[in-house]
Protein backbone atom coordinates (compact mmCIF):
# COMPACT_ATOMS: atom_id res chain seq x y z
CA MET A 1 58.44 49.97 150.14
CA GLU A 2 55.85 52.83 149.54
CA LYS A 3 52.35 51.25 148.14
CA LEU A 4 52.56 51.81 144.31
CA ASP A 5 50.45 54.54 143.16
CA THR A 6 50.43 53.64 139.35
CA LYS A 7 48.29 56.69 138.18
CA LYS A 8 50.88 59.03 139.68
CA PHE A 9 53.15 57.33 138.63
CA LEU A 10 51.95 57.26 134.92
CA MET A 11 51.40 60.69 134.92
CA SER A 12 54.94 61.91 135.98
CA ILE A 13 56.37 60.25 133.20
CA CYS A 14 54.22 61.16 130.46
CA ASP A 15 54.89 64.61 131.29
CA ALA A 16 58.51 63.77 130.87
CA ASN A 17 60.43 64.90 127.51
CA GLY A 18 61.15 61.47 125.96
CA VAL A 19 61.04 62.09 122.31
CA ALA A 20 62.46 58.75 120.14
CA GLY A 21 66.50 58.77 119.99
CA TYR A 22 66.17 61.19 123.04
CA GLU A 23 64.85 59.52 125.73
CA THR A 24 67.18 60.39 128.50
CA GLU A 25 64.72 62.37 130.68
CA ALA A 26 62.20 59.99 130.64
CA GLY A 27 64.17 57.07 131.10
CA GLU A 28 65.76 58.05 134.18
CA LEU A 29 62.31 58.38 135.78
CA ILE A 30 61.85 55.14 135.05
CA ALA A 31 64.88 53.61 135.99
CA ALA A 32 64.52 55.10 139.38
CA ALA A 33 61.10 53.56 140.04
CA PHE A 34 62.01 50.10 138.88
CA LYS A 35 65.09 50.40 141.58
CA ASP A 36 62.90 51.34 144.45
CA HIS A 37 60.87 48.25 143.92
CA GLY A 38 63.89 45.89 144.05
CA CYS A 39 65.06 45.51 140.73
CA GLU A 40 68.89 45.80 139.01
CA VAL A 41 68.71 48.14 136.21
CA THR A 42 71.04 48.40 133.94
CA VAL A 43 71.12 50.81 130.96
CA ASP A 44 72.65 49.75 127.47
CA ARG A 45 74.03 52.01 124.47
CA LEU A 46 71.00 52.58 123.23
CA GLY A 47 68.92 53.79 126.28
CA ASN A 48 67.08 51.00 127.03
CA VAL A 49 66.25 50.65 130.60
CA ILE A 50 66.36 47.18 131.54
CA ALA A 51 65.12 46.25 134.84
CA LYS A 52 66.09 42.28 136.52
CA LYS A 53 64.02 40.71 139.18
CA ALA A 54 65.57 37.19 139.95
CA GLY A 55 64.08 33.77 140.23
CA ARG A 56 64.41 31.46 143.15
CA ALA A 57 64.48 28.69 140.66
CA SER A 58 67.99 27.26 140.35
CA GLY A 59 69.81 25.60 137.62
CA ASN A 60 68.56 26.39 133.62
CA LYS A 61 66.16 29.14 134.61
CA ALA A 62 63.67 30.46 131.98
CA LYS A 63 64.32 34.39 130.74
CA ILE A 64 61.33 36.38 130.44
CA ALA A 65 61.09 39.37 129.07
CA PHE A 66 58.79 42.30 128.95
CA TYR A 67 58.91 44.99 126.77
CA ALA A 68 57.23 48.36 127.03
CA HIS A 69 58.33 51.02 124.85
CA MET A 70 59.08 54.91 126.42
CA ASP A 71 59.61 56.90 123.70
CA GLU A 72 57.29 59.44 122.17
CA ILE A 73 56.61 61.08 118.91
CA GLY A 74 57.91 64.54 118.54
CA LEU A 75 59.60 67.83 116.83
CA ILE A 76 62.84 68.82 116.40
CA VAL A 77 63.88 72.30 115.20
CA LYS A 78 64.71 72.57 111.28
CA GLN A 79 65.65 76.05 111.09
CA LEU A 80 65.69 79.28 113.11
CA ASP A 81 63.73 82.02 110.71
CA LYS A 82 63.86 85.57 111.33
CA ASN A 83 61.91 87.34 114.10
CA GLY A 84 62.40 84.40 116.73
CA PHE A 85 60.07 82.14 114.76
CA VAL A 86 61.37 78.21 114.44
CA ARG A 87 60.71 75.90 111.31
CA PHE A 88 60.30 72.12 112.66
CA THR A 89 59.68 68.71 111.36
CA GLN A 90 58.98 65.53 113.12
CA ILE A 91 60.16 62.34 114.72
CA GLY A 92 57.52 59.42 114.36
CA GLY A 93 54.44 59.89 112.99
CA TYR A 94 52.63 63.25 114.06
CA ASP A 95 49.05 63.73 112.73
CA GLN A 96 49.93 67.58 111.57
CA ARG A 97 46.05 68.32 111.83
CA THR A 98 46.80 68.25 115.60
CA LEU A 99 49.32 70.68 115.75
CA LEU A 100 48.19 74.31 115.08
CA ALA A 101 47.48 76.16 118.10
CA GLN A 102 49.80 74.11 120.52
CA GLU A 103 51.70 75.55 123.09
CA VAL A 104 55.37 73.49 122.48
CA ILE A 105 58.53 73.48 124.43
CA ILE A 106 61.56 73.80 122.64
CA HIS A 107 64.47 71.86 124.62
CA GLY A 108 67.48 74.13 124.10
CA LYS A 109 70.05 75.58 126.78
CA GLU A 110 67.07 76.10 128.87
CA LYS A 111 63.20 75.06 127.88
CA VAL A 112 62.31 77.84 125.66
CA TYR A 113 58.54 78.00 125.36
CA GLY A 114 56.17 78.50 122.13
CA VAL A 115 52.78 78.55 120.28
CA ILE A 116 52.51 77.37 116.96
CA GLY A 117 50.29 80.23 115.57
CA ILE A 118 48.03 80.02 112.17
CA LYS A 119 46.66 82.87 110.33
CA PRO A 120 43.48 83.92 111.53
CA PRO A 121 40.10 82.55 109.93
CA HIS A 122 38.98 86.31 109.59
CA LEU A 123 42.24 87.06 106.94
CA SER A 124 42.16 83.38 105.47
CA GLN A 125 40.85 83.02 102.04
CA GLY A 126 40.68 80.01 99.72
CA GLU A 127 43.07 77.46 99.68
CA GLU A 128 44.17 78.95 103.65
CA GLY A 129 41.16 77.50 104.94
CA LYS A 130 42.23 73.86 104.49
CA ALA A 131 44.64 72.02 106.51
CA VAL A 132 48.06 73.17 106.72
CA LYS A 133 51.00 71.45 105.90
CA MET A 134 53.75 71.28 108.73
CA HIS A 135 56.70 72.65 106.49
CA ASP A 136 54.66 75.80 106.57
CA MET A 137 53.76 76.00 110.08
CA LEU A 138 55.89 77.95 112.53
CA ILE A 139 56.81 78.22 116.31
CA ASP A 140 56.36 81.78 117.87
CA THR A 141 58.76 82.00 120.76
CA GLY A 142 58.69 85.87 121.16
CA TYR A 143 62.25 86.16 121.09
CA SER A 144 64.34 88.17 118.32
CA GLU A 145 66.42 85.89 116.57
CA GLU A 146 69.25 87.49 118.01
CA ALA A 147 68.52 86.27 121.42
CA LEU A 148 66.65 83.19 120.38
CA ALA A 149 69.70 82.13 118.43
CA LYS A 150 71.97 81.75 121.93
CA LEU A 151 69.23 79.65 123.63
CA VAL A 152 68.06 77.19 120.66
CA LYS A 153 70.08 75.51 118.14
CA VAL A 154 69.13 73.18 114.53
CA GLY A 155 68.22 69.74 116.03
CA ASP A 156 67.04 70.22 119.63
CA ILE A 157 63.70 68.84 120.38
CA ILE A 158 60.23 69.80 120.54
CA THR A 159 57.74 68.43 122.71
CA ILE A 160 53.99 69.39 123.23
CA LYS A 161 53.19 71.41 126.49
CA ARG A 162 50.75 69.10 128.04
CA SER A 163 50.28 67.76 131.74
CA ALA A 164 48.54 64.44 131.76
CA ILE A 165 44.97 65.29 133.32
CA GLU A 166 42.40 62.89 134.91
CA LEU A 167 39.34 62.43 133.56
CA LYS A 168 35.96 61.05 135.13
CA ASN A 169 35.85 57.22 135.57
CA ASP A 170 39.34 56.57 136.62
CA HIS A 171 40.35 57.69 132.82
CA ILE A 172 43.63 59.63 132.16
CA ALA A 173 44.72 61.67 129.08
CA GLY A 174 47.74 63.27 127.78
CA LYS A 175 51.04 62.79 125.66
CA ALA A 176 52.74 59.58 125.40
CA LEU A 177 50.50 57.42 127.05
CA ASP A 178 52.01 55.38 123.93
CA ASP A 179 53.47 53.20 125.87
CA ARG A 180 54.26 54.83 128.90
CA ALA A 181 51.04 53.31 129.77
CA CYS A 182 52.84 50.07 129.41
CA VAL A 183 55.49 51.00 131.28
CA GLY A 184 53.51 51.70 134.14
CA VAL A 185 51.70 47.70 133.78
CA MET A 186 55.40 46.37 133.78
CA LEU A 187 55.87 48.53 137.27
CA GLU A 188 52.07 47.49 138.60
CA CYS A 189 53.27 43.84 137.45
CA LEU A 190 56.46 43.65 139.37
CA ASP A 191 54.18 45.32 142.64
CA ASN A 192 51.94 42.27 142.38
CA LEU A 193 54.73 39.86 142.64
CA LYS A 194 56.47 41.60 145.59
CA ASP A 195 54.98 39.24 147.91
CA PHE A 196 55.40 35.94 145.59
CA ASN A 197 58.38 33.91 144.72
CA HIS A 198 58.56 32.89 140.93
CA ASP A 199 61.11 30.19 139.17
CA ALA A 200 61.75 32.55 136.14
CA ASP A 201 64.09 35.82 135.98
CA LEU A 202 62.18 38.28 134.77
CA TYR A 203 63.34 41.15 132.91
CA PHE A 204 61.30 44.39 132.29
CA ILE A 205 62.51 46.46 129.71
CA SER A 206 61.60 50.15 128.51
CA SER A 207 62.50 49.90 125.20
CA THR A 208 63.79 53.69 123.02
CA GLN A 209 63.24 54.37 119.25
CA GLU A 210 60.20 51.91 118.91
CA GLU A 211 58.52 54.89 116.69
CA VAL A 212 61.12 55.40 114.48
CA GLY A 213 61.86 51.60 113.83
CA SER A 214 61.85 49.30 117.14
CA GLN A 215 66.18 49.71 116.67
CA GLY A 216 65.94 49.72 121.14
CA ALA A 217 64.27 46.23 121.57
CA VAL A 218 66.54 45.19 118.98
CA VAL A 219 69.48 45.68 120.64
CA ALA A 220 67.80 44.58 124.08
CA THR A 221 67.02 41.76 122.62
CA TYR A 222 70.10 40.47 120.97
CA GLY A 223 72.04 40.93 124.03
CA LEU A 224 69.46 39.43 126.50
CA GLU A 225 68.28 36.34 124.10
CA PRO A 226 65.39 35.61 126.67
CA ASP A 227 63.16 32.46 126.36
CA MET A 228 59.94 34.04 125.96
CA GLY A 229 59.23 38.06 125.12
CA ILE A 230 55.71 39.83 126.03
CA VAL A 231 55.24 42.81 124.36
CA LEU A 232 52.96 45.44 125.53
CA ASP A 233 51.59 48.62 123.31
CA VAL A 234 48.72 50.30 122.89
CA THR A 235 45.77 49.61 120.50
CA PHE A 236 43.25 51.49 118.95
CA ALA A 237 39.92 51.87 121.48
CA LYS A 238 35.99 52.56 120.38
CA THR A 239 35.23 56.22 119.50
CA PRO A 240 32.16 56.92 117.65
CA GLU A 241 33.81 57.67 114.24
CA LEU A 242 35.67 54.36 113.84
CA LYS A 243 34.56 50.99 112.95
CA PRO A 244 33.85 47.87 115.83
CA SER A 245 36.08 45.74 113.71
CA GLN A 246 39.09 47.66 113.62
CA THR A 247 38.84 48.41 117.57
CA CYS A 248 38.17 47.22 120.99
CA ASP A 249 36.64 47.92 123.97
CA MET A 250 38.01 50.34 126.87
CA GLY A 251 37.42 49.00 130.63
CA LYS A 252 36.81 45.23 129.10
CA GLY A 253 40.75 44.46 129.74
CA PRO A 254 43.97 43.85 127.84
CA VAL A 255 43.89 42.84 124.36
CA ILE A 256 45.61 39.17 123.39
CA GLU A 257 46.80 39.11 120.07
CA MET A 258 46.97 36.17 117.67
CA GLY A 259 48.91 35.76 114.32
CA PRO A 260 51.76 35.12 112.57
CA ASN A 261 53.50 37.17 115.02
CA ILE A 262 52.90 35.58 117.93
CA HIS A 263 53.89 32.11 119.35
CA PRO A 264 50.89 30.10 119.47
CA LYS A 265 52.23 28.17 123.10
CA VAL A 266 52.81 31.52 124.11
CA CYS A 267 49.22 32.96 123.50
CA GLY A 268 47.60 29.91 124.63
CA LEU A 269 49.61 30.46 128.40
CA LEU A 270 48.22 33.98 128.31
CA LYS A 271 44.68 33.04 127.77
CA ASP A 272 44.82 30.65 130.49
CA ALA A 273 46.02 32.78 132.96
CA ALA A 274 43.37 35.27 132.17
CA LYS A 275 41.02 32.66 132.13
CA ASN A 276 42.20 30.91 135.41
CA ASN A 277 42.54 33.93 137.58
CA GLY A 278 39.26 36.35 136.57
CA VAL A 279 40.91 38.73 134.69
CA PRO A 280 38.84 40.04 131.79
CA PHE A 281 40.42 39.95 128.15
CA GLN A 282 39.83 40.78 124.88
CA ILE A 283 41.08 39.12 121.47
CA ASP A 284 42.69 40.48 118.39
CA VAL A 285 43.53 38.54 115.20
CA MET A 286 46.44 40.11 112.70
CA THR A 287 47.06 38.41 109.29
CA THR A 288 50.10 39.79 108.88
CA GLY A 289 53.85 38.99 109.92
CA SER A 290 54.38 42.32 111.47
CA SER A 291 52.25 43.68 113.89
CA GLY A 292 53.65 47.15 113.80
CA THR A 293 55.32 47.01 117.23
CA ASP A 294 58.25 45.20 119.17
CA ALA A 295 56.71 42.42 118.99
CA ARG A 296 58.46 41.77 115.40
CA VAL A 297 61.85 42.28 115.93
CA VAL A 298 61.64 40.31 119.29
CA GLN A 299 60.16 37.45 117.41
CA ILE A 300 62.86 37.26 114.76
CA SER A 301 66.33 37.81 117.03
CA ARG A 302 69.25 35.50 117.22
CA THR A 303 67.47 32.37 116.46
CA GLY A 304 64.19 33.38 117.69
CA VAL A 305 62.11 34.46 120.44
CA ALA A 306 58.57 32.92 121.50
CA THR A 307 56.58 35.89 121.68
CA GLY A 308 53.47 37.01 122.66
CA LEU A 309 51.74 40.52 122.28
CA ILE A 310 49.49 42.57 124.59
CA GLY A 311 47.33 45.88 123.67
CA LEU A 312 46.30 48.16 125.99
CA PRO A 313 42.89 49.89 124.65
CA LEU A 314 43.89 53.50 123.84
CA LYS A 315 41.90 56.54 122.55
CA TYR A 316 43.07 59.25 120.05
CA MET A 317 46.47 57.47 119.13
CA HIS A 318 49.96 59.77 118.39
CA THR A 319 48.02 63.03 119.58
CA SER A 320 48.51 64.88 122.90
CA VAL A 321 45.22 63.58 124.38
CA GLU A 322 45.51 60.16 124.61
CA THR A 323 43.43 58.53 126.75
CA ILE A 324 43.01 54.82 128.52
CA SER A 325 41.43 53.65 131.33
CA MET A 326 43.27 52.74 135.00
CA LYS A 327 41.37 49.51 135.24
CA ASP A 328 43.02 48.41 132.35
CA VAL A 329 46.19 48.77 132.89
CA THR A 330 45.21 47.09 136.48
CA SER A 331 43.61 44.20 134.60
CA THR A 332 46.87 44.10 132.42
CA ALA A 333 49.38 43.74 135.09
CA LYS A 334 47.14 41.34 137.05
CA LEU A 335 47.53 39.14 133.83
CA LEU A 336 51.14 39.69 133.52
CA SER A 337 51.42 38.60 137.44
CA SER A 338 49.12 35.88 136.89
CA PHE A 339 51.15 34.75 133.79
CA VAL A 340 54.17 34.97 135.73
CA MET A 341 53.10 32.44 138.64
CA GLY A 342 51.62 30.57 136.23
CA LEU A 343 55.00 29.06 134.86
CA ASN A 344 56.11 27.52 138.32
CA GLY A 345 56.86 24.12 138.23
CA LYS A 346 56.57 24.37 134.73
CA ASP A 347 58.65 22.50 132.47
CA TRP A 348 59.18 25.51 130.35
CA GLU A 349 61.27 24.11 127.31
CA ALA A 350 58.14 22.10 126.78
CA GLU A 351 55.85 24.29 126.87
CA LEU A 352 57.41 26.35 124.24
CA CYS A 353 57.93 23.41 121.36
CA LEU A 354 55.68 23.53 118.68
């Protein structure tokens, strides 16, 4: 098996189209990568990619599910306007301030390229200088109305035309790192475990539709009924304009979450795994019963799942220039593989009793 290049893998899947509800292109790349790493891979009716790595234990084996959502926020064609212009709306929580002057790809019968234009400042007056609402924006494709209608229809998906780039200090930036960065974490965890035996059966779930309600995680968890669920999602990293109390540090490791949405024993096992294996980590406390991630629906599936949540620091969330540190990806993957190995020989049912 060729050595995993997590950065290369991440940059390839982030460039792929995978808007919530339309994740097929990204999902095919992800499924192929997990198959290449020896997993049994299935795709369910909602498009979740579920990769299984069997454990060595016999009898009543623990089932541990790791989750990272592979969908991204995006746009969708709402109306074809005169002279080759396209009106659109959003899927997921796009910040409309970031859309003006962006290049886009309309995924029609073939890829159609366009730009979201804006009136020149020289010709703008008064209120026109303020932020433009999404419903007032238009995509300019350059096509005639008749030619465009042969390629594009209402309901076609639109993504920002953006290729992931490498920054200094082993940082990368691009679209869809929320949350495909954590898909990369899961694959690196699997790579870490390739030469080791673990007791538990492991399931790596690249879930769909998190950005519009976590429907993918609902279905995957209901069908699998895991004993433990560890959800991986991005969290807010420090930038100069944000309050330190609302953020975490990039480059200082994963953020282990605590609070009502989190099983305290699972949280303790994660912290122990980090401490015992020299993995740097940070702590965040959530005071509500919903973390705003797949962890909420995992926790309350069927009769309940013992759930943990790990945050990966990310800057500029829900933009096309989301930024992460590969150092955090590596340390988070090490935390997961250390957690898995730390369960060997343990009575997992007793470990989960409150």
